[in-house]
C-alpha cells in the first residue's frame, strides 16, 4: 500500500524556507568514566534520521481546513506519509511529530493562518 502524500493546498500556499530547520539525530551513546575519559558507541546501525520544523504562511481558511482534514486522515503521527523536501525537492518518508499549530495572522476580512508543525523521518 502506498503512503499518503502530503497535501497540495487549495490556494497553492507552500512551505516557507524562512524558519525551516533540519535537526539530525545523534546516534551515539556516551558514558563518562573515571579519570575524565568518555566511552562512546553507536546506539544502532541505522542511518541517523532528520527532524524537520516547518511553517506554511498565509494560508486561507480552505487551506487550514484541508491541512486539518489531512492531519485527521493520517491520525497525527501514526501513519508514514510522503513529503517533498522544500529545498532538495526529494520525496522523504516522514510522520508528524507533535501537533499542528495554527496561528491567526489575518485582519478584518483578510483571513489568513500560519501553520507550524514538525516532521520526523521514518
Protein backbone atom coordinates (compact mmCIF):
# COMPACT_ATOMS: atom_id res chain seq x y z
CA UNK A 1 0.00 0.00 0.00
CA UNK A 2 1.36 3.43 -0.95
CA UNK A 3 1.94 6.08 1.69
CA UNK A 4 -0.42 9.07 1.82
CA UNK A 5 1.07 12.17 0.17
CA UNK A 6 1.39 15.49 1.99
CA UNK A 7 -1.43 17.65 0.57
CA UNK A 8 -1.22 20.38 -2.02
CA UNK A 9 -3.22 23.23 -0.51
CA UNK A 10 -6.16 24.75 -2.44
CA UNK A 11 -4.66 28.27 -2.57
CA UNK A 12 -1.24 26.96 -3.60
CA UNK A 13 0.35 28.02 -0.27
CA UNK A 14 3.67 26.24 0.24
CA UNK A 15 6.16 25.62 3.00
CA UNK A 16 8.33 28.65 3.58
CA UNK A 17 12.08 28.28 3.93
CA UNK A 18 12.34 31.08 6.49
CA UNK A 19 12.29 29.28 9.81
CA UNK A 20 12.67 25.86 8.13
CA UNK A 21 15.08 23.79 10.21
CA UNK A 22 16.62 20.35 9.97
CA UNK A 23 17.86 18.63 13.10
CA UNK A 24 19.94 15.46 12.76
CA UNK A 25 19.55 12.64 15.26
CA UNK A 26 22.65 11.83 17.34
CA UNK A 27 23.03 8.03 17.16
CA UNK A 28 25.73 7.85 19.84
CA UNK A 29 25.73 6.66 23.43
CA UNK A 30 28.33 8.22 25.70
CA UNK A 31 29.42 7.26 29.18
CA UNK A 32 31.81 9.27 31.34
CA UNK A 33 34.42 7.10 33.03
CA UNK A 34 36.69 7.69 35.97
CA UNK A 35 39.62 9.88 35.08
CA UNK A 36 37.51 12.07 32.75
CA UNK A 37 37.53 9.69 29.81
CA UNK A 38 34.42 9.25 27.66
CA UNK A 39 33.48 5.90 26.15
CA UNK A 40 31.13 6.13 23.17
CA UNK A 41 29.49 3.83 20.67
CA UNK A 42 26.64 3.89 18.19
CA UNK A 43 23.20 3.03 19.60
CA UNK A 44 22.22 1.36 16.32
CA UNK A 45 23.44 0.84 12.76
CA UNK A 46 20.52 2.68 11.13
CA UNK A 47 21.33 5.91 9.27
CA UNK A 48 20.59 8.87 11.59
CA UNK A 49 17.14 10.36 10.97
CA UNK A 50 16.29 14.01 10.42
CA UNK A 51 13.60 16.06 12.12
CA UNK A 52 12.12 18.95 10.10
CA UNK A 53 10.45 22.01 11.62
CA UNK A 54 8.15 23.58 9.01
CA UNK A 55 5.82 26.55 8.58
CA UNK A 56 3.20 27.28 5.95
CA UNK A 57 2.42 31.01 5.94
CA UNK A 58 -0.62 32.98 4.80
CA UNK A 59 -2.96 30.00 4.48
CA UNK A 60 -6.58 30.64 3.61
CA UNK A 61 -9.41 29.15 5.67
CA UNK A 62 -9.78 26.47 2.97
CA UNK A 63 -6.08 25.62 3.35
CA UNK A 64 -6.44 25.38 7.12
CA UNK A 65 -9.41 23.02 6.76
CA UNK A 66 -7.51 20.90 4.17
CA UNK A 67 -4.49 20.66 6.45
CA UNK A 68 -6.64 19.78 9.46
CA UNK A 69 -8.51 17.14 7.43
CA UNK A 70 -5.22 15.59 6.29
CA UNK A 71 -3.96 15.57 9.90
CA UNK A 72 -7.11 13.70 10.96
CA UNK A 73 -6.81 11.30 7.99
CA UNK A 74 -3.26 10.25 8.93
CA UNK A 75 -4.19 10.33 12.62
CA UNK A 76 -1.38 12.65 13.61
CA UNK A 77 1.94 10.83 13.74
CA UNK A 78 0.56 7.30 13.48
CA UNK A 79 0.97 6.94 9.70
CA UNK A 80 4.05 7.36 7.49
CA UNK A 81 3.48 9.83 4.64
CA UNK A 82 5.41 11.04 1.59
CA UNK A 83 6.54 14.66 1.82
CA UNK A 84 8.53 16.73 -0.69
CA UNK A 85 11.54 18.41 0.90
CA UNK A 86 11.25 22.18 0.13
CA UNK A 87 14.91 22.77 -0.78
CA UNK A 88 16.04 19.49 -2.39
CA UNK A 89 12.62 18.52 -3.83
CA UNK A 90 13.34 14.90 -2.83
CA UNK A 91 10.41 12.82 -1.60
CA UNK A 92 11.00 11.79 2.02
CA UNK A 93 9.04 9.29 4.12
CA UNK A 94 8.08 11.10 7.34
CA UNK A 95 5.48 11.16 10.09
CA UNK A 96 4.11 14.05 12.13
CA UNK A 97 5.90 14.55 15.44
CA UNK A 98 3.65 16.58 17.70
CA UNK A 99 0.58 18.66 16.92
CA UNK A 100 -0.25 21.13 14.15
CA UNK A 101 -0.18 24.70 15.46
CA UNK A 102 -2.42 27.21 13.67
CA UNK A 103 -1.82 30.92 14.34
CA UNK A 104 -4.29 33.52 13.08
CA UNK A 105 -2.43 36.29 11.23
CA UNK A 106 -5.31 37.91 9.37
CA UNK A 107 -7.03 41.21 9.96
CA UNK A 108 -10.51 42.37 9.04
CA UNK A 109 -11.78 40.48 6.02
CA UNK A 110 -8.23 39.24 5.22
CA UNK A 111 -8.45 35.89 7.00
CA UNK A 112 -5.11 34.09 6.96
CA UNK A 113 -3.39 31.44 9.07
CA UNK A 114 0.17 30.31 9.68
CA UNK A 115 0.62 26.60 10.38
CA UNK A 116 3.68 25.19 12.15
CA UNK A 117 4.46 21.51 12.54
CA UNK A 118 7.32 19.06 12.97
CA UNK A 119 8.01 16.04 10.77
CA UNK A 120 10.35 13.17 11.65
CA UNK A 121 11.98 11.00 9.04
CA UNK A 122 10.62 7.45 9.19
